[in-house]
Structures are given as structure tokens and as C-alpha cells.
Amino acid sequence: MRDFRSVLLSRKVKAFTLTEVLVVLVIVGILVLLALPNLMPLITKAKSTEAKIQLEHLYTLEKTHFYEKSKYSSDLAALGFIQEKLVSESENGQANYQVEVVEASSTTFTAKATAVADFDGDGVYNVWQIDQEKNLQEVTPD
């Protein structure tokens, strides 16, 4: 058994050197930096899907409230809408958009979702809006 171990330990194993691995990592890093500006619009589009889904859910809750009470509500808790923790509030926050009902009356409502992070770093925060007719629109593009 010892002879078998000594044969394994004395045999050279093919592997990459640390220098080779570091060169590959540097090249991958440079490629990522070159590709990142082209990927930012896709990242923003993917994150804006969250706003659209949340506003459509809020629209459904508002319509249900309207059918039950014959009016729209500005109170998210009364509607049953639960705002997830925002990424800006805590390290375990997951929501990128703050959702709020801007205006609610007996015949109309307007809700908006405002981004809490600047996705592409240009200083503009993405804002989406929906109304009682389910007109979903991007008010401020990021």
C-alpha cells in the first residue's frame, strides 16, 4: 500500500499554474467590462418587469375592492397589497420599486411604482404608472 502512495505522490499531475489562471481571469474581467454597457438596458428592462407585475397585481386588487365597496382605495393595507422590503432599506430587501396609490376616488385611481435604485447610473429613477382602465405606462424611463 505504501508503494502505491509513493507512486501517486511522485507522479507529476498535469495542472494549470497560478499565473495561467490569473491571466484567464484578467481576460474574462476585461471582456465583462466591455460587454457591461451593452447589457445595462437589458438589466433595466428585466428589473422594470417587477414594476409592471406589481402594478397589474395592484390593479386587480383595486378592481376587487371597487366591486365590493363601489369605490377605489388609496390604502394598500386595505387592498391587501404587501410591499416587499426594498433593496435600499435592508440588506435582505428584494423589491426594486416602491409601489403607492397616488390618487383614488369613487370612479378613478392612479398608482405608481418608483425605482429605489438608479439601474444604469444616469441619475434618473424609473417610474411606471397604472390607472383604473389598466393603462400601464412608463412615465420616466431609466
N, C-alpha and C. Protein backbone atom coordinates (compact mmCIF):
# COMPACT_ATOMS: atom_id res chain seq x y z
N MET A 1 0.81 -1.19 0.00
CA MET A 1 0.00 0.00 0.00
C MET A 1 0.86 1.26 0.00
N ARG A 2 1.95 1.21 0.72
CA ARG A 2 2.83 2.38 0.75
C ARG A 2 3.49 2.61 -0.60
N ASP A 3 3.76 1.54 -1.30
CA ASP A 3 4.36 1.69 -2.61
C ASP A 3 3.40 2.40 -3.56
N PHE A 4 2.10 2.09 -3.42
CA PHE A 4 1.09 2.72 -4.27
C PHE A 4 1.01 4.22 -3.99
N ARG A 5 1.04 4.63 -2.71
CA ARG A 5 1.01 6.05 -2.34
C ARG A 5 2.25 6.77 -2.84
N SER A 6 3.38 6.16 -2.68
CA SER A 6 4.60 6.83 -3.11
C SER A 6 4.63 7.00 -4.62
N VAL A 7 4.04 6.08 -5.34
CA VAL A 7 3.96 6.21 -6.80
C VAL A 7 3.04 7.37 -7.16
N LEU A 8 1.91 7.49 -6.47
CA LEU A 8 0.98 8.60 -6.74
C LEU A 8 1.59 9.94 -6.38
N LEU A 9 2.29 10.02 -5.27
CA LEU A 9 2.87 11.28 -4.84
C LEU A 9 4.05 11.69 -5.70
N SER A 10 4.78 10.74 -6.22
CA SER A 10 5.95 11.09 -7.02
C SER A 10 5.58 11.39 -8.47
N ARG A 11 4.41 10.97 -8.88
CA ARG A 11 3.98 11.19 -10.25
C ARG A 11 3.54 12.64 -10.43
N LYS A 12 3.91 13.27 -11.53
CA LYS A 12 3.51 14.65 -11.80
C LYS A 12 2.10 14.68 -12.37
N VAL A 13 1.29 15.54 -11.85
CA VAL A 13 -0.08 15.69 -12.30
C VAL A 13 -0.17 16.94 -13.17
N LYS A 14 -0.83 16.82 -14.32
CA LYS A 14 -0.98 17.97 -15.20
C LYS A 14 -1.97 18.95 -14.57
N ALA A 15 -1.58 20.21 -14.53
CA ALA A 15 -2.44 21.24 -13.95
C ALA A 15 -2.04 22.60 -14.49
N PHE A 16 -2.87 23.60 -14.22
CA PHE A 16 -2.55 24.96 -14.62
C PHE A 16 -1.77 25.64 -13.51
N THR A 17 -0.89 26.55 -13.90
CA THR A 17 -0.15 27.31 -12.88
C THR A 17 -1.01 28.48 -12.43
N LEU A 18 -0.63 29.06 -11.33
CA LEU A 18 -1.36 30.22 -10.80
C LEU A 18 -1.33 31.37 -11.79
N THR A 19 -0.23 31.56 -12.44
CA THR A 19 -0.10 32.64 -13.42
C THR A 19 -1.08 32.45 -14.58
N GLU A 20 -1.20 31.24 -15.07
CA GLU A 20 -2.13 30.96 -16.16
C GLU A 20 -3.57 31.23 -15.75
N VAL A 21 -3.94 30.83 -14.56
CA VAL A 21 -5.29 31.06 -14.06
C VAL A 21 -5.56 32.56 -13.91
N LEU A 22 -4.60 33.31 -13.40
CA LEU A 22 -4.77 34.77 -13.24
C LEU A 22 -4.90 35.46 -14.59
N VAL A 23 -4.14 35.04 -15.58
CA VAL A 23 -4.25 35.64 -16.92
C VAL A 23 -5.65 35.41 -17.49
N VAL A 24 -6.18 34.22 -17.32
CA VAL A 24 -7.53 33.92 -17.80
C VAL A 24 -8.56 34.78 -17.07
N LEU A 25 -8.43 34.94 -15.77
CA LEU A 25 -9.36 35.77 -15.00
C LEU A 25 -9.30 37.23 -15.44
N VAL A 26 -8.12 37.75 -15.72
CA VAL A 26 -7.98 39.13 -16.19
C VAL A 26 -8.66 39.29 -17.55
N ILE A 27 -8.48 38.34 -18.43
CA ILE A 27 -9.11 38.41 -19.76
C ILE A 27 -10.63 38.37 -19.63
N VAL A 28 -11.15 37.49 -18.79
CA VAL A 28 -12.60 37.41 -18.58
C VAL A 28 -13.11 38.73 -17.99
N GLY A 29 -12.38 39.31 -17.05
CA GLY A 29 -12.77 40.60 -16.46
C GLY A 29 -12.83 41.70 -17.49
N ILE A 30 -11.86 41.75 -18.38
CA ILE A 30 -11.85 42.77 -19.43
C ILE A 30 -13.04 42.58 -20.37
N LEU A 31 -13.33 41.35 -20.72
CA LEU A 31 -14.49 41.07 -21.58
C LEU A 31 -15.81 41.49 -20.93
N VAL A 32 -15.93 41.26 -19.63
CA VAL A 32 -17.13 41.67 -18.90
C VAL A 32 -17.26 43.19 -18.90
N LEU A 33 -16.15 43.89 -18.67
CA LEU A 33 -16.19 45.36 -18.68
C LEU A 33 -16.56 45.91 -20.05
N LEU A 34 -16.14 45.23 -21.09
CA LEU A 34 -16.50 45.67 -22.44
C LEU A 34 -17.97 45.40 -22.75
N ALA A 35 -18.50 44.30 -22.23
CA ALA A 35 -19.88 43.93 -22.53
C ALA A 35 -20.90 44.62 -21.63
N LEU A 36 -20.50 45.06 -20.44
CA LEU A 36 -21.44 45.61 -19.46
C LEU A 36 -22.26 46.79 -19.97
N PRO A 37 -21.67 47.78 -20.64
CA PRO A 37 -22.51 48.90 -21.14
C PRO A 37 -23.61 48.44 -22.09
N ASN A 38 -23.33 47.39 -22.86
CA ASN A 38 -24.34 46.88 -23.78
C ASN A 38 -25.42 46.10 -23.05
N LEU A 39 -25.12 45.58 -21.87
CA LEU A 39 -26.09 44.78 -21.12
C LEU A 39 -26.96 45.62 -20.19
N MET A 40 -26.58 46.85 -19.90
CA MET A 40 -27.33 47.68 -18.95
C MET A 40 -28.79 47.88 -19.36
N PRO A 41 -29.10 48.15 -20.64
CA PRO A 41 -30.52 48.27 -21.00
C PRO A 41 -31.30 46.98 -20.74
N LEU A 42 -30.68 45.85 -20.94
CA LEU A 42 -31.36 44.58 -20.68
C LEU A 42 -31.61 44.39 -19.19
N ILE A 43 -30.66 44.81 -18.37
CA ILE A 43 -30.83 44.71 -16.91
C ILE A 43 -31.98 45.62 -16.47
N THR A 44 -32.02 46.83 -16.99
CA THR A 44 -33.09 47.77 -16.65
C THR A 44 -34.45 47.22 -17.09
N LYS A 45 -34.50 46.65 -18.28
CA LYS A 45 -35.76 46.08 -18.79
C LYS A 45 -36.22 44.92 -17.91
N ALA A 46 -35.30 44.10 -17.50
CA ALA A 46 -35.64 42.96 -16.64
C ALA A 46 -36.17 43.44 -15.30
N LYS A 47 -35.55 44.45 -14.73
CA LYS A 47 -36.00 44.95 -13.43
C LYS A 47 -37.33 45.69 -13.55
N SER A 48 -37.59 46.32 -14.69
CA SER A 48 -38.87 47.03 -14.85
C SER A 48 -40.03 46.06 -14.94
N THR A 49 -39.76 44.81 -15.25
CA THR A 49 -40.82 43.79 -15.26
C THR A 49 -41.43 43.67 -13.87
N GLU A 50 -40.61 43.84 -12.85
CA GLU A 50 -41.12 43.81 -11.46
C GLU A 50 -42.18 44.89 -11.26
N ALA A 51 -41.91 46.10 -11.75
CA ALA A 51 -42.87 47.20 -11.60
C ALA A 51 -44.18 46.88 -12.31
N LYS A 52 -44.08 46.36 -13.51
CA LYS A 52 -45.29 46.05 -14.28
C LYS A 52 -46.13 44.97 -13.58
N ILE A 53 -45.47 43.94 -13.10
CA ILE A 53 -46.21 42.86 -12.43
C ILE A 53 -46.87 43.36 -11.15
N GLN A 54 -46.14 44.15 -10.36
CA GLN A 54 -46.70 44.68 -9.12
C GLN A 54 -47.88 45.60 -9.39
N LEU A 55 -47.78 46.45 -10.40
CA LEU A 55 -48.88 47.37 -10.72
C LEU A 55 -50.10 46.62 -11.27
N GLU A 56 -49.87 45.59 -12.04
CA GLU A 56 -51.01 44.80 -12.53
C GLU A 56 -51.69 44.06 -11.38
N HIS A 57 -50.90 43.61 -10.42
CA HIS A 57 -51.47 42.97 -9.23
C HIS A 57 -52.29 43.99 -8.43
N LEU A 58 -51.74 45.19 -8.26
CA LEU A 58 -52.46 46.25 -7.55
C LEU A 58 -53.75 46.63 -8.29
N TYR A 59 -53.71 46.64 -9.62
CA TYR A 59 -54.90 46.91 -10.41
C TYR A 59 -56.00 45.88 -10.09
N THR A 60 -55.62 44.61 -10.03
CA THR A 60 -56.58 43.55 -9.72
C THR A 60 -57.17 43.74 -8.33
N LEU A 61 -56.32 44.09 -7.37
CA LEU A 61 -56.81 44.33 -6.00
C LEU A 61 -57.75 45.54 -5.95
N GLU A 62 -57.42 46.59 -6.70
CA GLU A 62 -58.28 47.79 -6.75
C GLU A 62 -59.64 47.45 -7.38
N LYS A 63 -59.63 46.67 -8.44
CA LYS A 63 -60.89 46.30 -9.08
C LYS A 63 -61.75 45.45 -8.15
N THR A 64 -61.13 44.53 -7.44
CA THR A 64 -61.86 43.70 -6.47
C THR A 64 -62.47 44.59 -5.38
N HIS A 65 -61.67 45.54 -4.88
CA HIS A 65 -62.16 46.47 -3.85
C HIS A 65 -63.31 47.31 -4.40
N PHE A 66 -63.19 47.73 -5.66
CA PHE A 66 -64.23 48.54 -6.28
C PHE A 66 -65.54 47.75 -6.40
N TYR A 67 -65.46 46.49 -6.77
CA TYR A 67 -66.67 45.67 -6.91
C TYR A 67 -67.33 45.40 -5.56
N GLU A 68 -66.53 45.35 -4.51
CA GLU A 68 -67.08 45.11 -3.17
C GLU A 68 -67.60 46.38 -2.51
N LYS A 69 -66.91 47.51 -2.69
CA LYS A 69 -67.24 48.73 -1.95
C LYS A 69 -67.71 49.89 -2.82
N SER A 70 -67.72 49.71 -4.12
CA SER A 70 -68.13 50.74 -5.09
C SER A 70 -67.25 51.98 -5.04
N LYS A 71 -66.00 51.81 -4.69
CA LYS A 71 -65.02 52.90 -4.73
C LYS A 71 -63.63 52.29 -4.71
N TYR A 72 -62.67 53.08 -5.15
CA TYR A 72 -61.28 52.66 -5.11
C TYR A 72 -60.66 53.12 -3.80
N SER A 73 -59.55 52.50 -3.42
CA SER A 73 -58.92 52.82 -2.14
C SER A 73 -57.47 53.26 -2.36
N SER A 74 -57.01 54.16 -1.51
CA SER A 74 -55.60 54.57 -1.55
C SER A 74 -54.78 53.86 -0.47
N ASP A 75 -55.45 53.04 0.33
CA ASP A 75 -54.78 52.33 1.42
C ASP A 75 -54.34 50.94 0.94
N LEU A 76 -53.04 50.75 0.81
CA LEU A 76 -52.52 49.47 0.32
C LEU A 76 -52.87 48.32 1.26
N ALA A 77 -52.86 48.57 2.56
CA ALA A 77 -53.20 47.52 3.52
C ALA A 77 -54.66 47.10 3.38
N ALA A 78 -55.56 48.06 3.15
CA ALA A 78 -56.97 47.73 2.98
C ALA A 78 -57.20 46.91 1.71
N LEU A 79 -56.35 47.13 0.73
CA LEU A 79 -56.46 46.38 -0.52
C LEU A 79 -55.86 44.98 -0.39
N GLY A 80 -55.01 44.81 0.59
CA GLY A 80 -54.33 43.52 0.75
C GLY A 80 -53.01 43.46 0.02
N PHE A 81 -52.49 44.61 -0.39
CA PHE A 81 -51.20 44.66 -1.09
C PHE A 81 -50.08 44.72 -0.06
N ILE A 82 -49.12 43.84 -0.19
CA ILE A 82 -47.98 43.81 0.73
C ILE A 82 -46.74 44.24 -0.02
N GLN A 83 -46.16 45.34 0.40
CA GLN A 83 -44.93 45.84 -0.21
C GLN A 83 -43.76 45.05 0.36
N GLU A 84 -43.01 44.40 -0.51
CA GLU A 84 -41.80 43.69 -0.08
C GLU A 84 -40.77 44.69 0.43
N LYS A 85 -39.84 44.22 1.24
CA LYS A 85 -38.76 45.09 1.70
C LYS A 85 -37.95 45.57 0.51
N LEU A 86 -37.63 46.85 0.54
CA LEU A 86 -36.89 47.45 -0.57
C LEU A 86 -35.40 47.16 -0.44
N VAL A 87 -34.73 47.10 -1.58
CA VAL A 87 -33.29 46.85 -1.57
C VAL A 87 -32.54 47.98 -0.88
N SER A 88 -33.13 49.16 -0.84
CA SER A 88 -32.47 50.31 -0.20
C SER A 88 -32.70 50.34 1.32
N GLU A 89 -33.66 49.56 1.81
CA GLU A 89 -33.98 49.58 3.24
C GLU A 89 -33.14 48.61 4.06
N SER A 90 -32.89 47.44 3.52
CA SER A 90 -32.15 46.44 4.28
C SER A 90 -31.35 45.55 3.34
N GLU A 91 -30.41 44.85 3.92
CA GLU A 91 -29.56 44.01 3.08
C GLU A 91 -30.31 42.79 2.54
N ASN A 92 -31.41 42.41 3.17
CA ASN A 92 -32.19 41.28 2.65
C ASN A 92 -33.43 41.75 1.90
N GLY A 93 -33.50 43.04 1.56
CA GLY A 93 -34.61 43.55 0.75
C GLY A 93 -34.51 43.06 -0.68
N GLN A 94 -35.66 42.82 -1.30
CA GLN A 94 -35.67 42.28 -2.65
C GLN A 94 -36.38 43.17 -3.66
N ALA A 95 -37.24 44.07 -3.21
CA ALA A 95 -38.02 44.89 -4.13
C ALA A 95 -37.20 46.07 -4.64
N ASN A 96 -37.27 46.30 -5.94
CA ASN A 96 -36.57 47.42 -6.57
C ASN A 96 -37.48 48.62 -6.77
N TYR A 97 -38.78 48.46 -6.51
CA TYR A 97 -39.75 49.53 -6.75
C TYR A 97 -40.62 49.76 -5.52
N GLN A 98 -40.85 51.03 -5.21
CA GLN A 98 -41.78 51.44 -4.16
C GLN A 98 -43.13 51.66 -4.83
N VAL A 99 -44.14 50.91 -4.42
CA VAL A 99 -45.47 51.00 -5.03
C VAL A 99 -46.36 51.83 -4.13
N GLU A 100 -47.14 52.73 -4.74
CA GLU A 100 -48.06 53.57 -3.97
C GLU A 100 -49.26 53.95 -4.83
N VAL A 101 -50.39 54.18 -4.16
CA VAL A 101 -51.58 54.68 -4.84
C VAL A 101 -51.52 56.20 -4.73
N VAL A 102 -51.41 56.87 -5.87
CA VAL A 102 -51.26 58.32 -5.89
C VAL A 102 -52.59 59.01 -5.68
N GLU A 103 -53.65 58.46 -6.31
CA GLU A 103 -54.97 59.08 -6.24
C GLU A 103 -56.02 58.00 -6.31
N ALA A 104 -57.05 58.11 -5.48
CA ALA A 104 -58.15 57.16 -5.50
C ALA A 104 -59.44 57.89 -5.17
N SER A 105 -60.48 57.64 -5.97
CA SER A 105 -61.78 58.24 -5.73
C SER A 105 -62.84 57.17 -5.96
N SER A 106 -64.08 57.59 -6.07
CA SER A 106 -65.14 56.61 -6.29
C SER A 106 -65.16 56.11 -7.73
N THR A 107 -64.50 56.81 -8.65
CA THR A 107 -64.52 56.40 -10.06
C THR A 107 -63.14 56.16 -10.68
N THR A 108 -62.09 56.67 -10.07
CA THR A 108 -60.77 56.54 -10.67
C THR A 108 -59.71 56.21 -9.61
N PHE A 109 -58.61 55.70 -10.11
CA PHE A 109 -57.43 55.56 -9.26
C PHE A 109 -56.19 55.61 -10.15
N THR A 110 -55.10 56.03 -9.56
CA THR A 110 -53.80 56.04 -10.22
C THR A 110 -52.78 55.53 -9.23
N ALA A 111 -52.00 54.56 -9.66
CA ALA A 111 -50.94 54.01 -8.82
C ALA A 111 -49.63 54.11 -9.57
N LYS A 112 -48.54 54.22 -8.83
CA LYS A 112 -47.24 54.28 -9.49
C LYS A 112 -46.22 53.44 -8.74
N ALA A 113 -45.22 53.02 -9.48
CA ALA A 113 -44.10 52.26 -8.94
C ALA A 113 -42.84 53.04 -9.29
N THR A 114 -42.12 53.47 -8.26
CA THR A 114 -40.91 54.26 -8.44
C THR A 114 -39.70 53.44 -8.04
N ALA A 115 -38.70 53.40 -8.91
CA ALA A 115 -37.49 52.65 -8.61
C ALA A 115 -36.77 53.27 -7.43
N VAL A 116 -36.20 52.44 -6.58
CA VAL A 116 -35.44 52.93 -5.42
C VAL A 116 -33.94 52.90 -5.70
N ALA A 117 -33.57 52.42 -6.89
CA ALA A 117 -32.17 52.38 -7.29
C ALA A 117 -32.06 52.89 -8.72
N ASP A 118 -30.94 53.53 -9.00
CA ASP A 118 -30.66 54.01 -10.35
C ASP A 118 -29.96 52.87 -11.09
N PHE A 119 -30.68 52.17 -11.94
CA PHE A 119 -30.17 50.94 -12.54
C PHE A 119 -28.98 51.16 -13.46
N ASP A 120 -28.98 52.25 -14.23
CA ASP A 120 -27.88 52.46 -15.17
C ASP A 120 -26.95 53.60 -14.76
N GLY A 121 -27.16 54.17 -13.58
CA GLY A 121 -26.23 55.16 -13.04
C GLY A 121 -26.30 56.53 -13.69
N ASP A 122 -27.41 56.87 -14.36
CA ASP A 122 -27.50 58.18 -15.02
C ASP A 122 -28.23 59.23 -14.17
N GLY A 123 -28.63 58.87 -12.96
CA GLY A 123 -29.29 59.83 -12.07
C GLY A 123 -30.80 59.89 -12.23
N VAL A 124 -31.36 59.10 -13.14
CA VAL A 124 -32.80 59.09 -13.39
C VAL A 124 -33.37 57.79 -12.82
N TYR A 125 -34.47 57.91 -12.07
CA TYR A 125 -35.12 56.75 -11.47
C TYR A 125 -36.36 56.39 -12.27
N ASN A 126 -36.49 55.13 -12.61
CA ASN A 126 -37.57 54.61 -13.42
C ASN A 126 -38.91 54.72 -12.68
N VAL A 127 -39.97 55.16 -13.38
CA VAL A 127 -41.31 55.29 -12.79
C VAL A 127 -42.33 54.71 -13.77
N TRP A 128 -43.19 53.83 -13.25
CA TRP A 128 -44.29 53.25 -14.01
C TRP A 128 -45.60 53.65 -13.35
N GLN A 129 -46.68 53.68 -14.14
CA GLN A 129 -47.99 54.12 -13.63
C GLN A 129 -49.10 53.28 -14.26
N ILE A 130 -50.17 53.09 -13.49
CA ILE A 130 -51.35 52.37 -13.99
C ILE A 130 -52.60 53.08 -13.48
N ASP A 131 -53.70 52.98 -14.23
CA ASP A 131 -54.95 53.60 -13.80
C ASP A 131 -56.09 52.58 -13.82
N GLN A 132 -57.31 53.05 -13.57
CA GLN A 132 -58.47 52.17 -13.47
C GLN A 132 -58.81 51.49 -14.79
N GLU A 133 -58.31 51.99 -15.89
CA GLU A 133 -58.55 51.39 -17.20
C GLU A 133 -57.44 50.41 -17.58
N LYS A 134 -56.54 50.15 -16.67
CA LYS A 134 -55.38 49.27 -16.85
C LYS A 134 -54.41 49.82 -17.90
N ASN A 135 -54.36 51.15 -17.98
CA ASN A 135 -53.38 51.79 -18.86
C ASN A 135 -52.04 51.81 -18.13
N LEU A 136 -51.18 50.91 -18.50
CA LEU A 136 -49.87 50.79 -17.89
C LEU A 136 -48.87 51.52 -18.77
N GLN A 137 -48.17 52.49 -18.18
CA GLN A 137 -47.21 53.25 -18.98
C GLN A 137 -45.97 53.60 -18.17
N GLU A 138 -44.89 53.73 -18.89
CA GLU A 138 -43.64 54.15 -18.27
C GLU A 138 -43.59 55.66 -18.29
N VAL A 139 -43.68 56.26 -17.11
CA VAL A 139 -43.71 57.72 -17.00
C VAL A 139 -42.31 58.30 -17.15
N THR A 140 -41.34 57.71 -16.47
CA THR A 140 -39.96 58.16 -16.54
C THR A 140 -39.06 56.97 -16.88
N PRO A 141 -38.57 56.93 -18.12
CA PRO A 141 -37.68 55.82 -18.46
C PRO A 141 -36.30 56.01 -17.84
N ASP A 142 -35.67 54.88 -17.51
CA ASP A 142 -34.32 54.94 -16.94
C ASP A 142 -33.34 54.58 -18.02
